[in-house]
Amino acid sequence: MRTVRSPWSLWTEHDGVVHNSHVGVLVDDGQGLLLVEKTNPYFPYQATKFASREQLKQYMLASLSAGFE
């Protein structure tokens, strides 16, 4: 079995300033996706398991609309 790990970050713009809003590592083990993320420097890391990329996409879109800060 091959496990794939992908680092990623989400950049956003607020009042003309671009900043890194979100950082994480996505692990695909062939049976699902594990997202390990840091959404705020004051909060601990969080790990969430997703069954599909569509489920992950919906989570990220909901997080964007709620705001990370």
Protein backbone atom coordinates (compact mmCIF):
# COMPACT_ATOMS: atom_id res chain seq x y z
CA MET A 1 0.00 0.00 0.00
CA ARG A 2 1.29 3.45 -0.91
CA THR A 3 0.58 6.45 1.34
CA VAL A 4 0.68 9.92 -0.19
CA ARG A 5 1.34 13.01 1.93
CA SER A 6 0.79 16.50 0.55
CA PRO A 7 1.54 19.76 2.38
CA TRP A 8 -0.71 22.67 1.46
CA SER A 9 -1.67 26.14 2.59
CA LEU A 10 -4.55 28.50 1.98
CA TRP A 11 -3.78 32.14 1.25
CA THR A 12 -6.44 34.84 1.62
CA GLU A 13 -6.58 38.61 1.18
CA HIS A 14 -8.04 41.07 3.66
CA ASP A 15 -7.83 44.86 3.27
CA GLY A 16 -5.26 44.51 0.52
CA VAL A 17 -2.95 42.28 2.57
CA VAL A 18 -2.33 38.66 1.52
CA HIS A 19 -1.62 36.23 4.35
CA ASN A 20 -1.48 32.53 5.05
CA SER A 21 -4.81 31.69 6.67
CA HIS A 22 -4.50 27.95 6.96
CA VAL A 23 -1.84 25.26 6.76
CA GLY A 24 -2.08 21.50 6.82
CA VAL A 25 -0.91 18.11 5.62
CA LEU A 26 -3.23 15.85 3.68
CA VAL A 27 -2.54 12.11 3.96
CA ASP A 28 -4.16 9.75 1.44
CA ASP A 29 -3.77 6.15 2.58
CA GLY A 30 -5.99 4.66 -0.12
CA GLN A 31 -8.86 4.18 2.35
CA GLY A 32 -9.62 7.82 2.98
CA LEU A 33 -8.06 11.20 3.57
CA LEU A 34 -6.64 12.46 6.84
CA LEU A 35 -6.27 16.22 7.14
CA VAL A 36 -3.90 17.44 9.88
CA GLU A 37 -4.32 21.20 10.11
CA LYS A 38 -3.43 24.28 12.10
CA THR A 39 -6.12 26.92 11.76
CA ASN A 40 -4.92 29.41 14.35
CA PRO A 41 -1.57 29.94 16.11
CA TYR A 42 -3.34 29.81 19.48
CA PHE A 43 -5.24 26.56 18.87
CA PRO A 44 -3.84 23.00 18.83
CA TYR A 45 -3.42 20.94 15.67
CA GLN A 46 -6.53 19.12 14.52
CA ALA A 47 -6.88 15.84 12.59
CA THR A 48 -10.03 15.08 10.59
CA LYS A 49 -10.75 11.95 8.50
CA PHE A 50 -12.68 12.25 5.22
CA ALA A 51 -14.10 9.47 3.07
CA SER A 52 -13.67 11.40 -0.20
CA ARG A 53 -12.19 14.51 -1.77
CA GLU A 54 -15.72 15.86 -2.21
CA GLN A 55 -16.29 15.62 1.55
CA LEU A 56 -12.97 17.42 2.12
CA LYS A 57 -13.94 20.12 -0.39
CA GLN A 58 -17.26 20.74 1.38
CA TYR A 59 -15.45 21.01 4.73
CA MET A 60 -12.97 23.56 3.34
CA LEU A 61 -15.70 25.64 1.70
CA ALA A 62 -17.66 25.69 4.96
CA SER A 63 -14.47 26.69 6.85
CA LEU A 64 -13.88 29.56 4.42
CA SER A 65 -17.39 30.91 4.85
CA ALA A 66 -17.08 30.68 8.67
CA GLY A 67 -13.62 32.28 8.69
CA PHE A 68 -10.49 30.86 10.27
CA GLU A 69 -9.72 33.66 12.71
